[in-house]
Amino acid sequence: MDLNKKFTPETWPDHPERATLEAKNKFVGFWLFLGGETILFATLFATYVALKNSGPSGFGFSTQELYELPLVFVMTMLLLTSSLTSVFAMYHLRNYNFKKMQLWLAITAFLGLGFLMLEVYEFSHYVGLGFTYGNSAFSSAFFTLVGTHGFHVAVGLVWVTLLIFRNAKRGLNLYNATKYYTFSLYWHFIDVVWVFIFTVVYLMGVVG
């Protein structure tokens, strides 16, 4: 099958992201990658939970005083909304509407960038208070867990930006459809990880 073949909405496959053998093989590899990522975050969560009760030793604040739920709530809404906009993008991918797909992906990137900027502000705020990576085992676990997630968000932003600009003149085809769809799955994954971070780190840290 010609991966660069021109389609119409009527001839476009129902599942273009898995329409070729190459695409199916990429999906297998991608799910193996996500399996490894799951193990990575599970390890970081376990480390954080194990060190949480020790408290931010030498810092002088408890987690109830440190974490700012209103800020984290805004960050959560931005990321969850970006997950929804990526769903809209994939809807238009399956309907062979390239321009609307690109638009919703750009909105997804914009929301993700807003989340990342707020996380940078949060980290700088904590550092200003004296809560740094080397402050204690607890602070190291916190910055490693949340920072690793932030790094994944940054990778996702680079990924979607490259997709948007590299394919701006190419349009949709069976080759890049798989790339768009795997990005969407990746973005949903880091959104799910953030839901756990919001619950385990921030919500439980403030509620107790």
N, C-alpha and C. Protein backbone atom coordinates (compact mmCIF):
# COMPACT_ATOMS: atom_id res chain seq x y z
N MET A 1 0.84 -1.19 0.00
CA MET A 1 0.00 0.00 0.00
C MET A 1 0.88 1.25 0.00
N ASP A 2 0.51 2.20 -0.85
CA ASP A 2 1.27 3.45 -0.96
C ASP A 2 0.98 4.32 0.27
N LEU A 3 2.00 4.53 1.09
CA LEU A 3 1.80 5.29 2.33
C LEU A 3 1.51 6.76 2.06
N ASN A 4 1.93 7.26 0.89
CA ASN A 4 1.72 8.67 0.56
C ASN A 4 0.54 8.88 -0.38
N LYS A 5 -0.27 7.86 -0.55
CA LYS A 5 -1.43 7.95 -1.44
C LYS A 5 -2.39 9.04 -0.96
N LYS A 6 -2.95 9.77 -1.90
CA LYS A 6 -3.93 10.80 -1.58
C LYS A 6 -5.30 10.16 -1.38
N PHE A 7 -5.95 10.55 -0.31
CA PHE A 7 -7.26 9.99 0.03
C PHE A 7 -8.32 11.08 0.00
N THR A 8 -9.55 10.66 0.12
CA THR A 8 -10.69 11.54 0.34
C THR A 8 -11.37 11.06 1.61
N PRO A 9 -12.25 11.87 2.21
CA PRO A 9 -12.94 11.39 3.42
C PRO A 9 -13.68 10.08 3.19
N GLU A 10 -14.10 9.82 1.96
CA GLU A 10 -14.85 8.60 1.67
C GLU A 10 -13.93 7.38 1.55
N THR A 11 -12.71 7.57 1.08
CA THR A 11 -11.79 6.44 0.89
C THR A 11 -10.80 6.27 2.04
N TRP A 12 -10.79 7.21 2.97
CA TRP A 12 -9.89 7.15 4.12
C TRP A 12 -10.29 5.98 5.02
N PRO A 13 -9.34 5.13 5.45
CA PRO A 13 -9.67 3.97 6.29
C PRO A 13 -10.31 4.38 7.62
N ASP A 14 -11.11 3.50 8.19
CA ASP A 14 -11.74 3.78 9.48
C ASP A 14 -10.70 3.88 10.60
N HIS A 15 -9.65 3.09 10.48
CA HIS A 15 -8.57 3.11 11.48
C HIS A 15 -7.24 3.31 10.75
N PRO A 16 -6.99 4.52 10.30
CA PRO A 16 -5.77 4.77 9.50
C PRO A 16 -4.49 4.54 10.27
N GLU A 17 -4.56 4.67 11.61
CA GLU A 17 -3.34 4.52 12.41
C GLU A 17 -2.86 3.07 12.44
N ARG A 18 -3.71 2.12 12.06
CA ARG A 18 -3.33 0.71 12.05
C ARG A 18 -3.61 0.06 10.69
N ALA A 19 -3.57 0.84 9.65
CA ALA A 19 -3.97 0.34 8.33
C ALA A 19 -2.87 -0.43 7.61
N THR A 20 -1.63 -0.33 8.10
CA THR A 20 -0.52 -1.02 7.45
C THR A 20 0.21 -1.90 8.46
N LEU A 21 0.99 -2.86 7.94
CA LEU A 21 1.75 -3.74 8.81
C LEU A 21 2.79 -2.95 9.60
N GLU A 22 3.42 -1.97 8.95
CA GLU A 22 4.40 -1.12 9.64
C GLU A 22 3.76 -0.40 10.81
N ALA A 23 2.55 0.11 10.61
CA ALA A 23 1.84 0.81 11.68
C ALA A 23 1.54 -0.12 12.85
N LYS A 24 1.13 -1.34 12.54
CA LYS A 24 0.83 -2.31 13.60
C LYS A 24 2.08 -2.65 14.39
N ASN A 25 3.22 -2.78 13.69
CA ASN A 25 4.47 -3.06 14.39
C ASN A 25 4.88 -1.89 15.28
N LYS A 26 4.64 -0.67 14.81
CA LYS A 26 4.95 0.50 15.63
C LYS A 26 4.10 0.53 16.89
N PHE A 27 2.85 0.09 16.78
CA PHE A 27 1.99 0.06 17.96
C PHE A 27 2.52 -0.93 18.99
N VAL A 28 2.98 -2.08 18.54
CA VAL A 28 3.54 -3.07 19.47
C VAL A 28 4.74 -2.47 20.20
N GLY A 29 5.63 -1.85 19.45
CA GLY A 29 6.80 -1.21 20.06
C GLY A 29 6.42 -0.11 21.01
N PHE A 30 5.39 0.65 20.65
CA PHE A 30 4.98 1.78 21.49
C PHE A 30 4.39 1.28 22.81
N TRP A 31 3.60 0.20 22.77
CA TRP A 31 3.02 -0.33 24.00
C TRP A 31 4.10 -0.91 24.91
N LEU A 32 5.13 -1.49 24.31
CA LEU A 32 6.26 -1.96 25.11
C LEU A 32 6.96 -0.78 25.78
N PHE A 33 7.09 0.31 25.04
CA PHE A 33 7.68 1.53 25.61
C PHE A 33 6.85 2.03 26.79
N LEU A 34 5.53 2.07 26.63
CA LEU A 34 4.67 2.54 27.72
C LEU A 34 4.74 1.60 28.92
N GLY A 35 4.95 0.32 28.67
CA GLY A 35 5.12 -0.62 29.78
C GLY A 35 6.34 -0.27 30.61
N GLY A 36 7.44 0.06 29.92
CA GLY A 36 8.64 0.49 30.63
C GLY A 36 8.44 1.79 31.38
N GLU A 37 7.70 2.72 30.77
CA GLU A 37 7.41 4.00 31.43
C GLU A 37 6.56 3.79 32.68
N THR A 38 5.64 2.85 32.62
CA THR A 38 4.80 2.55 33.78
C THR A 38 5.64 2.05 34.94
N ILE A 39 6.59 1.18 34.64
CA ILE A 39 7.48 0.67 35.69
C ILE A 39 8.32 1.80 36.27
N LEU A 40 8.80 2.69 35.41
CA LEU A 40 9.59 3.83 35.88
C LEU A 40 8.80 4.68 36.87
N PHE A 41 7.58 5.06 36.49
CA PHE A 41 6.79 5.92 37.38
C PHE A 41 6.34 5.18 38.63
N ALA A 42 6.06 3.88 38.51
CA ALA A 42 5.69 3.10 39.69
C ALA A 42 6.82 3.11 40.71
N THR A 43 8.06 3.01 40.22
CA THR A 43 9.22 3.06 41.11
C THR A 43 9.35 4.42 41.78
N LEU A 44 9.13 5.48 41.01
CA LEU A 44 9.24 6.84 41.58
C LEU A 44 8.13 7.10 42.59
N PHE A 45 6.92 6.61 42.31
CA PHE A 45 5.82 6.75 43.27
C PHE A 45 6.13 5.99 44.55
N ALA A 46 6.64 4.78 44.43
CA ALA A 46 6.95 3.98 45.61
C ALA A 46 8.01 4.66 46.46
N THR A 47 9.01 5.25 45.80
CA THR A 47 10.07 5.96 46.53
C THR A 47 9.50 7.18 47.25
N TYR A 48 8.65 7.92 46.58
CA TYR A 48 8.06 9.11 47.19
C TYR A 48 7.22 8.73 48.42
N VAL A 49 6.37 7.73 48.26
CA VAL A 49 5.49 7.31 49.37
C VAL A 49 6.33 6.82 50.55
N ALA A 50 7.42 6.11 50.27
CA ALA A 50 8.26 5.58 51.34
C ALA A 50 8.95 6.70 52.12
N LEU A 51 9.24 7.80 51.44
CA LEU A 51 9.97 8.90 52.08
C LEU A 51 9.05 10.01 52.58
N LYS A 52 7.78 9.95 52.24
CA LYS A 52 6.87 11.04 52.56
C LYS A 52 6.76 11.28 54.06
N ASN A 53 6.63 10.22 54.82
CA ASN A 53 6.40 10.36 56.26
C ASN A 53 7.59 10.95 56.99
N SER A 54 8.76 10.93 56.36
CA SER A 54 9.93 11.53 57.00
C SER A 54 9.83 13.05 57.01
N GLY A 55 8.98 13.59 56.11
CA GLY A 55 8.78 15.02 56.05
C GLY A 55 9.98 15.74 55.46
N PRO A 56 9.80 16.98 55.08
CA PRO A 56 10.91 17.77 54.53
C PRO A 56 11.88 18.18 55.62
N SER A 57 12.71 17.25 56.04
CA SER A 57 13.61 17.47 57.17
C SER A 57 14.48 18.71 56.98
N GLY A 58 14.53 19.52 58.02
CA GLY A 58 15.36 20.70 58.00
C GLY A 58 14.76 21.86 57.24
N PHE A 59 13.52 21.68 56.75
CA PHE A 59 12.91 22.72 55.94
C PHE A 59 12.04 23.64 56.78
N GLY A 60 11.32 23.06 57.75
CA GLY A 60 10.51 23.88 58.64
C GLY A 60 9.06 23.98 58.25
N PHE A 61 8.64 23.38 57.14
CA PHE A 61 7.25 23.38 56.70
C PHE A 61 6.77 21.95 56.54
N SER A 62 5.50 21.73 56.80
CA SER A 62 4.90 20.44 56.51
C SER A 62 4.37 20.46 55.07
N THR A 63 3.99 19.30 54.56
CA THR A 63 3.42 19.26 53.21
C THR A 63 2.12 20.04 53.14
N GLN A 64 1.37 20.07 54.23
CA GLN A 64 0.13 20.85 54.26
C GLN A 64 0.40 22.34 54.05
N GLU A 65 1.51 22.81 54.60
CA GLU A 65 1.86 24.23 54.44
C GLU A 65 2.57 24.51 53.12
N LEU A 66 3.24 23.49 52.59
CA LEU A 66 4.05 23.68 51.39
C LEU A 66 3.22 23.69 50.10
N TYR A 67 2.42 22.66 49.91
CA TYR A 67 1.70 22.51 48.64
C TYR A 67 0.56 23.52 48.50
N GLU A 68 0.40 24.04 47.32
CA GLU A 68 -0.65 25.02 47.04
C GLU A 68 -1.68 24.39 46.09
N LEU A 69 -2.76 23.87 46.66
CA LEU A 69 -3.75 23.16 45.86
C LEU A 69 -4.40 24.01 44.77
N PRO A 70 -4.70 25.30 45.01
CA PRO A 70 -5.30 26.08 43.92
C PRO A 70 -4.44 26.11 42.66
N LEU A 71 -3.13 26.30 42.83
CA LEU A 71 -2.23 26.31 41.69
C LEU A 71 -2.20 24.94 41.01
N VAL A 72 -2.10 23.90 41.82
CA VAL A 72 -2.04 22.55 41.26
C VAL A 72 -3.35 22.19 40.58
N PHE A 73 -4.47 22.69 41.10
CA PHE A 73 -5.77 22.43 40.48
C PHE A 73 -5.82 23.05 39.08
N VAL A 74 -5.32 24.28 38.95
CA VAL A 74 -5.29 24.93 37.64
C VAL A 74 -4.40 24.13 36.68
N MET A 75 -3.26 23.66 37.16
CA MET A 75 -2.38 22.84 36.34
C MET A 75 -3.08 21.57 35.89
N THR A 76 -3.83 20.97 36.80
CA THR A 76 -4.55 19.74 36.48
C THR A 76 -5.61 19.99 35.43
N MET A 77 -6.35 21.07 35.55
CA MET A 77 -7.38 21.39 34.57
C MET A 77 -6.78 21.64 33.19
N LEU A 78 -5.63 22.30 33.15
CA LEU A 78 -4.97 22.54 31.86
C LEU A 78 -4.58 21.22 31.20
N LEU A 79 -4.01 20.32 31.98
CA LEU A 79 -3.54 19.07 31.39
C LEU A 79 -4.71 18.16 31.00
N LEU A 80 -5.74 18.10 31.84
CA LEU A 80 -6.89 17.27 31.50
C LEU A 80 -7.63 17.82 30.28
N THR A 81 -7.71 19.14 30.19
CA THR A 81 -8.35 19.75 29.02
C THR A 81 -7.54 19.46 27.76
N SER A 82 -6.20 19.46 27.89
CA SER A 82 -5.36 19.16 26.74
C SER A 82 -5.56 17.72 26.29
N SER A 83 -5.87 16.84 27.21
CA SER A 83 -6.17 15.45 26.84
C SER A 83 -7.45 15.38 26.02
N LEU A 84 -8.43 16.20 26.41
CA LEU A 84 -9.70 16.25 25.67
C LEU A 84 -9.49 16.82 24.27
N THR A 85 -8.69 17.87 24.16
CA THR A 85 -8.47 18.47 22.84
C THR A 85 -7.70 17.51 21.92
N SER A 86 -6.85 16.66 22.50
CA SER A 86 -6.16 15.67 21.67
C SER A 86 -7.14 14.61 21.16
N VAL A 87 -8.19 14.35 21.94
CA VAL A 87 -9.25 13.44 21.48
C VAL A 87 -9.97 14.05 20.28
N PHE A 88 -10.26 15.35 20.36
CA PHE A 88 -10.88 16.03 19.23
C PHE A 88 -9.99 15.94 17.98
N ALA A 89 -8.68 16.09 18.19
CA ALA A 89 -7.74 16.00 17.07
C ALA A 89 -7.79 14.62 16.42
N MET A 90 -7.85 13.57 17.23
CA MET A 90 -7.90 12.22 16.68
C MET A 90 -9.24 11.94 16.01
N TYR A 91 -10.29 12.58 16.48
CA TYR A 91 -11.59 12.46 15.80
C TYR A 91 -11.48 12.99 14.38
N HIS A 92 -10.83 14.13 14.23
CA HIS A 92 -10.67 14.71 12.89
C HIS A 92 -9.66 13.94 12.06
N LEU A 93 -8.69 13.28 12.70
CA LEU A 93 -7.78 12.42 11.96
C LEU A 93 -8.56 11.29 11.30
N ARG A 94 -9.44 10.66 12.05
CA ARG A 94 -10.21 9.55 11.50
C ARG A 94 -11.24 9.99 10.47
N ASN A 95 -11.56 11.28 10.48
CA ASN A 95 -12.50 11.80 9.48
C ASN A 95 -11.79 12.53 8.34
N TYR A 96 -10.46 12.41 8.32
CA TYR A 96 -9.63 12.98 7.25
C TYR A 96 -9.83 14.48 7.10
N ASN A 97 -9.83 15.16 8.25
CA ASN A 97 -9.92 16.62 8.25
C ASN A 97 -8.61 17.16 8.83
N PHE A 98 -7.65 17.34 7.95
CA PHE A 98 -6.29 17.68 8.36
C PHE A 98 -6.21 19.02 9.09
N LYS A 99 -6.88 20.03 8.55
CA LYS A 99 -6.79 21.37 9.13
C LYS A 99 -7.34 21.41 10.55
N LYS A 100 -8.48 20.80 10.78
CA LYS A 100 -9.05 20.80 12.13
C LYS A 100 -8.22 19.95 13.08
N MET A 101 -7.65 18.86 12.57
CA MET A 101 -6.77 18.06 13.41
C MET A 101 -5.56 18.87 13.86
N GLN A 102 -4.94 19.59 12.93
CA GLN A 102 -3.80 20.43 13.26
C GLN A 102 -4.18 21.52 14.26
N LEU A 103 -5.37 22.08 14.09
CA LEU A 103 -5.83 23.13 15.00
C LEU A 103 -5.96 22.60 16.42
N TRP A 104 -6.58 21.45 16.58
CA TRP A 104 -6.78 20.90 17.92
C TRP A 104 -5.46 20.43 18.53
N LEU A 105 -4.54 19.98 17.70
CA LEU A 105 -3.22 19.63 18.23
C LEU A 105 -2.47 20.87 18.70
N ALA A 106 -2.63 21.97 17.96
CA ALA A 106 -1.99 23.23 18.39
C ALA A 106 -2.57 23.70 19.72
N ILE A 107 -3.88 23.55 19.90
CA ILE A 107 -4.51 23.91 21.17
C ILE A 107 -3.99 23.01 22.28
N THR A 108 -3.84 21.72 21.97
CA THR A 108 -3.27 20.77 22.94
C THR A 108 -1.89 21.21 23.38
N ALA A 109 -1.06 21.60 22.41
CA ALA A 109 0.30 22.05 22.72
C ALA A 109 0.28 23.32 23.57
N PHE A 110 -0.63 24.23 23.25
CA PHE A 110 -0.73 25.49 23.99
C PHE A 110 -1.10 25.23 25.46
N LEU A 111 -2.06 24.33 25.68
CA LEU A 111 -2.46 23.99 27.05
C LEU A 111 -1.33 23.28 27.78
N GLY A 112 -0.63 22.38 27.08
CA GLY A 112 0.50 21.69 27.70
C GLY A 112 1.61 22.65 28.08
N LEU A 113 1.84 23.65 27.23
CA LEU A 113 2.85 24.66 27.53
C LEU A 113 2.45 25.47 28.76
N GLY A 114 1.17 25.79 28.88
CA GLY A 114 0.69 26.51 30.06
C GLY A 114 0.93 25.71 31.32
N PHE A 115 0.67 24.40 31.26
CA PHE A 115 0.92 23.52 32.40
C PHE A 115 2.40 23.55 32.77
N LEU A 116 3.25 23.43 31.77
CA LEU A 116 4.69 23.35 32.03
C LEU A 116 5.21 24.65 32.63
N MET A 117 4.70 25.78 32.17
CA MET A 117 5.13 27.07 32.71
C MET A 117 4.73 27.21 34.17
N LEU A 118 3.53 26.74 34.51
CA LEU A 118 3.10 26.79 35.91
C LEU A 118 3.94 25.86 36.78
N GLU A 119 4.35 24.73 36.23
CA GLU A 119 5.19 23.82 37.00
C GLU A 119 6.57 24.44 37.25
N VAL A 120 7.10 25.13 36.25
CA VAL A 120 8.38 25.82 36.45
C VAL A 120 8.23 26.89 37.53
N TYR A 121 7.10 27.61 37.49
CA TYR A 121 6.85 28.62 38.53
C TYR A 121 6.75 27.96 39.90
N GLU A 122 6.06 26.82 39.99
CA GLU A 122 5.92 26.12 41.26
C GLU A 122 7.28 25.71 41.81
N PHE A 123 8.11 25.14 40.96
CA PHE A 123 9.43 24.71 41.41
C PHE A 123 10.28 25.90 41.87
N SER A 124 10.24 26.98 41.12
CA SER A 124 11.03 28.15 41.49
C SER A 124 10.52 28.74 42.81
N HIS A 125 9.22 28.66 43.03
CA HIS A 125 8.64 29.14 44.29
C HIS A 125 9.15 28.31 45.47
N TYR A 126 9.17 27.00 45.30
CA TYR A 126 9.65 26.13 46.36
C TYR A 126 11.14 26.38 46.65
N VAL A 127 11.91 26.55 45.59
CA VAL A 127 13.34 26.81 45.76
C VAL A 127 13.54 28.13 46.50
N GLY A 128 12.69 29.11 46.19
CA GLY A 128 12.77 30.40 46.88
C GLY A 128 12.47 30.27 48.36
N LEU A 129 11.64 29.31 48.72
CA LEU A 129 11.33 29.07 50.13
C LEU A 129 12.42 28.28 50.84
N GLY A 130 13.33 27.72 50.06
CA GLY A 130 14.39 26.91 50.66
C GLY A 130 14.17 25.42 50.53
N PHE A 131 13.08 25.04 49.83
CA PHE A 131 12.77 23.62 49.60
C PHE A 131 13.41 23.23 48.27
N THR A 132 14.62 22.69 48.33
CA THR A 132 15.38 22.39 47.12
C THR A 132 15.56 20.89 46.96
N TYR A 133 16.15 20.51 45.84
CA TYR A 133 16.34 19.08 45.55
C TYR A 133 17.21 18.41 46.62
N GLY A 134 18.23 19.10 47.08
CA GLY A 134 19.15 18.52 48.05
C GLY A 134 18.77 18.79 49.49
N ASN A 135 17.57 19.35 49.71
CA ASN A 135 17.14 19.69 51.06
C ASN A 135 16.98 18.47 51.95
N SER A 136 16.47 17.37 51.40
CA SER A 136 16.25 16.15 52.15
C SER A 136 15.95 15.02 51.18
N ALA A 137 15.87 13.81 51.70
CA ALA A 137 15.49 12.66 50.87
C ALA A 137 14.07 12.86 50.34
N PHE A 138 13.22 13.44 51.17
CA PHE A 138 11.84 13.71 50.76
C PHE A 138 11.80 14.68 49.59
N SER A 139 12.54 15.78 49.69
CA SER A 139 12.51 16.78 48.62
C SER A 139 13.09 16.20 47.33
N SER A 140 14.11 15.34 47.45
CA SER A 140 14.68 14.70 46.27
C SER A 140 13.65 13.80 45.59
N ALA A 141 12.89 13.06 46.41
CA ALA A 141 11.85 12.18 45.86
C ALA A 141 10.76 13.00 45.18
N PHE A 142 10.40 14.12 45.78
CA PHE A 142 9.35 14.97 45.21
C PHE A 142 9.78 15.55 43.86
N PHE A 143 10.95 16.19 43.84
CA PHE A 143 11.41 16.82 42.60
C PHE A 143 11.70 15.79 41.50
N THR A 144 12.16 14.60 41.89
CA THR A 144 12.42 13.57 40.89
C THR A 144 11.13 13.08 40.26
N LEU A 145 10.13 12.80 41.08
CA LEU A 145 8.85 12.31 40.57
C LEU A 145 8.15 13.35 39.70
N VAL A 146 7.92 14.53 40.28
CA VAL A 146 7.18 15.56 39.55
C VAL A 146 8.01 16.10 38.38
N GLY A 147 9.32 16.22 38.58
CA GLY A 147 10.19 16.70 37.51
C GLY A 147 10.27 15.73 36.34
N THR A 148 10.28 14.43 36.64
CA THR A 148 10.29 13.43 35.56
C THR A 148 9.02 13.52 34.73
N HIS A 149 7.91 13.73 35.39
CA HIS A 149 6.66 13.92 34.65
C HIS A 149 6.73 15.19 33.81
N GLY A 150 7.25 16.27 34.38
CA GLY A 150 7.39 17.51 33.63
C GLY A 150 8.28 17.34 32.41
N PHE A 151 9.34 16.54 32.56
CA PHE A 151 10.21 16.25 31.42
C PHE A 151 9.44 15.53 30.32
N HIS A 152 8.57 14.60 30.71
CA HIS A 152 7.76 13.88 29.72
C HIS A 152 6.79 14.83 29.01
N VAL A 153 6.25 15.79 29.74
CA VAL A 153 5.39 16.79 29.12
C VAL A 153 6.18 17.59 28.08
N ALA A 154 7.40 17.99 28.45
CA ALA A 154 8.25 18.75 27.52
C ALA A 154 8.56 17.93 26.27
N VAL A 155 8.83 16.64 26.44
CA VAL A 155 9.08 15.77 25.29
C VAL A 155 7.84 15.71 24.40
N GLY A 156 6.66 15.60 25.02
CA GLY A 156 5.43 15.58 24.26
C GLY A 156 5.21 16.86 23.48
N LEU A 157 5.55 17.99 24.07
CA LEU A 157 5.40 19.28 23.39
C LEU A 157 6.33 19.38 22.18
N VAL A 158 7.56 18.91 22.33
CA VAL A 158 8.49 18.90 21.20
C VAL A 158 7.96 17.98 20.11
N TRP A 159 7.46 16.82 20.51
CA TRP A 159 6.93 15.83 19.58
C TRP A 159 5.79 16.41 18.75
N VAL A 160 4.78 16.96 19.42
CA VAL A 160 3.61 17.46 18.69
C VAL A 160 3.96 18.68 17.84
N THR A 161 4.89 19.51 18.32
CA THR A 161 5.30 20.68 17.53
C THR A 161 5.97 20.25 16.23
N LEU A 162 6.84 19.24 16.32
CA LEU A 162 7.49 18.73 15.12
C LEU A 162 6.47 18.12 14.16
N LEU A 163 5.49 17.41 14.71
CA LEU A 163 4.46 16.83 13.85
C LEU A 163 3.68 17.91 13.11
N ILE A 164 3.32 18.95 13.83
CA ILE A 164 2.52 20.03 13.24
C ILE A 164 3.27 20.71 12.10
N PHE A 165 4.52 21.06 12.34
CA PHE A 165 5.26 21.83 11.35
C PHE A 165 5.81 20.98 10.21
N ARG A 166 6.26 19.76 10.52
CA ARG A 166 6.83 18.91 9.47
C ARG A 166 5.77 18.46 8.47
N ASN A 167 4.53 18.30 8.93
CA ASN A 167 3.49 17.79 8.05
C ASN A 167 2.53 18.87 7.56
N ALA A 168 2.88 20.13 7.82
CA ALA A 168 1.98 21.23 7.46
C ALA A 168 1.64 21.23 5.98
N LYS A 169 2.60 20.88 5.13
CA LYS A 169 2.37 20.89 3.69
C LYS A 169 2.12 19.49 3.12
N ARG A 170 2.34 18.48 3.94
CA ARG A 170 2.18 17.11 3.45
C ARG A 170 0.75 16.61 3.56
N GLY A 171 0.04 17.12 4.54
CA GLY A 171 -1.31 16.62 4.77
C GLY A 171 -1.29 15.26 5.43
N LEU A 172 -2.44 14.63 5.50
CA LEU A 172 -2.56 13.33 6.14
C LEU A 172 -2.25 12.21 5.17
N ASN A 173 -1.54 11.20 5.65
CA ASN A 173 -1.35 9.98 4.89
C ASN A 173 -1.20 8.83 5.88
N LEU A 174 -1.10 7.62 5.37
CA LEU A 174 -1.05 6.46 6.25
C LEU A 174 0.27 6.37 7.02
N TYR A 175 1.27 7.09 6.56
CA TYR A 175 2.56 7.07 7.24
C TYR A 175 2.53 7.95 8.50
N ASN A 176 2.04 9.18 8.36
CA ASN A 176 2.07 10.07 9.54
C ASN A 176 0.84 9.91 10.44
N ALA A 177 -0.20 9.24 9.96
CA ALA A 177 -1.38 9.01 10.81
C ALA A 177 -0.99 8.24 12.06
N THR A 178 -0.12 7.26 11.89
CA THR A 178 0.34 6.47 13.05
C THR A 178 1.11 7.34 14.03
N LYS A 179 1.91 8.26 13.52
CA LYS A 179 2.70 9.14 14.39
C LYS A 179 1.79 10.05 15.20
N TYR A 180 0.77 10.60 14.55
CA TYR A 180 -0.18 11.45 15.27
C TYR A 180 -0.89 10.65 16.36
N TYR A 181 -1.30 9.45 16.04
CA TYR A 181 -2.09 8.67 16.98
C TYR A 181 -1.24 8.21 18.18
N THR A 182 0.01 7.80 17.91
CA THR A 182 0.86 7.39 19.03
C THR A 182 1.18 8.57 19.93
N PHE A 183 1.31 9.76 19.34
CA PHE A 183 1.48 10.94 20.20
C PHE A 183 0.29 11.10 21.12
N SER A 184 -0.92 10.93 20.57
CA SER A 184 -2.13 11.08 21.38
C SER A 184 -2.14 10.08 22.53
N LEU A 185 -1.76 8.85 22.27
CA LEU A 185 -1.70 7.84 23.33
C LEU A 185 -0.67 8.23 24.39
N TYR A 186 0.47 8.71 23.94
CA TYR A 186 1.52 9.17 24.87
C TYR A 186 0.99 10.30 25.74
N TRP A 187 0.27 11.23 25.14
CA TRP A 187 -0.24 12.38 25.88
C TRP A 187 -1.27 11.94 26.91
N HIS A 188 -2.11 10.98 26.55
CA HIS A 188 -3.07 10.45 27.52
C HIS A 188 -2.34 9.77 28.68
N PHE A 189 -1.25 9.09 28.36
CA PHE A 189 -0.49 8.40 29.40
C PHE A 189 0.06 9.39 30.42
N ILE A 190 0.68 10.47 29.96
CA ILE A 190 1.25 11.42 30.92
C ILE A 190 0.14 12.17 31.66
N ASP A 191 -1.05 12.28 31.07
CA ASP A 191 -2.18 12.86 31.79
C ASP A 191 -2.63 11.95 32.92
N VAL A 192 -2.68 10.65 32.64
CA VAL A 192 -3.06 9.68 33.67
C VAL A 192 -2.04 9.70 34.82
N VAL A 193 -0.75 9.76 34.46
CA VAL A 193 0.29 9.83 35.49
C VAL A 193 0.09 11.06 36.36
N TRP A 194 -0.28 12.19 35.73
CA TRP A 194 -0.49 13.41 36.51
C TRP A 194 -1.67 13.27 37.47
N VAL A 195 -2.70 12.57 37.07
CA VAL A 195 -3.84 12.35 37.97
C VAL A 195 -3.37 11.64 39.24
N PHE A 196 -2.49 10.65 39.07
CA PHE A 196 -1.93 9.96 40.23
C PHE A 196 -1.04 10.89 41.05
N ILE A 197 -0.25 11.73 40.38
CA ILE A 197 0.59 12.68 41.11
C ILE A 197 -0.28 13.65 41.90
N PHE A 198 -1.32 14.17 41.27
CA PHE A 198 -2.21 15.10 41.95
C PHE A 198 -2.82 14.46 43.19
N THR A 199 -3.20 13.19 43.07
CA THR A 199 -3.85 12.49 44.19
C THR A 199 -2.86 12.10 45.27
N VAL A 200 -1.79 11.41 44.87
CA VAL A 200 -0.84 10.84 45.85
C VAL A 200 0.05 11.91 46.46
N VAL A 201 0.53 12.84 45.64
CA VAL A 201 1.47 13.84 46.14
C VAL A 201 0.76 15.02 46.77
N TYR A 202 -0.08 15.69 45.99
CA TYR A 202 -0.66 16.95 46.44
C TYR A 202 -1.88 16.77 47.33
N LEU A 203 -2.86 16.04 46.86
CA LEU A 203 -4.10 15.90 47.62
C LEU A 203 -3.86 15.19 48.95
N MET A 204 -3.17 14.05 48.91
CA MET A 204 -2.87 13.34 50.15
C MET A 204 -1.89 14.12 51.01
N GLY A 205 -1.04 14.92 50.37
CA GLY A 205 -0.09 15.73 51.14
C GLY A 205 -0.75 16.84 51.92
N VAL A 206 -1.87 17.36 51.39
CA VAL A 206 -2.58 18.45 52.06
C VAL A 206 -3.64 17.89 53.02
N VAL A 207 -4.37 16.88 52.54
CA VAL A 207 -5.44 16.31 53.38
C VAL A 207 -4.87 15.46 54.49
N GLY A 208 -3.74 14.77 54.18
CA GLY A 208 -3.13 13.96 55.21
C GLY A 208 -3.19 12.48 54.88
